[in-house]
Amino acid sequence: MRAFLLTLSVLALAACGNDGRLMNLSASEDDGPEEFAIVPTRPLELPPDLAQLPAPTPGGANITDPNPAGDAVAALGGNPGQLAQTGVGAGDGALIAHAARAGVTPGVRGVVAAEDQAYRASRGRRPLEVLGRVNVYQRAYEPQTLDSWAEQERWRRAGARVPAAPPTATAER
């Protein structure tokens, strides 16, 4: 009887330990927190000439508004001003033609979302995982994960240099 009560109390405490909403594969109404929705604003700065400021427009953009796409383009050495252009730039036409040489699947995002939902449904939560509110994300996608250490060793055995990895004890120095 004591063992039963001890097991029951341990299970009850384990059920309280995890929030269960984060990385939960169940299809629920609540999508959870949106980690990409929080973008800090730029710091306020006084320009050297106040005549450079754009005229205020109701509902328009502000110079302190975040522009993550433009910031990323600028950080990679591109011109953020070209983001406003529609269509493909002249320098990118060859790249897009090469990437689309085998064809393009229309609506690929919807196709991938439907396939992923079917995959997750086939690897749903087990009864004890539901009871314990256990996160099953890692178990569901485990067959698709890459073992980086095994891959590194495979490349080393093939004779390839792996410069980002520390040398092994048997490697020549």
Foldseek 3Di string as FASTA:
>chain_A
DVVVVVVVVVLVVLLPPDPLQPLALDDDPDNDDDPVVDDDWADDDDDPDPVPADDDDVVDDHPRGDDVVLVVQVVVPHHSVCVPDDDDDPVCPVVVCVVQVVHDDPPVVVVVVVVVNVLDVVVHDDPSCVSSSPNCNCVSCVVVDDDVVVVVVVCVVVVHDDVVDDDDPPDDD
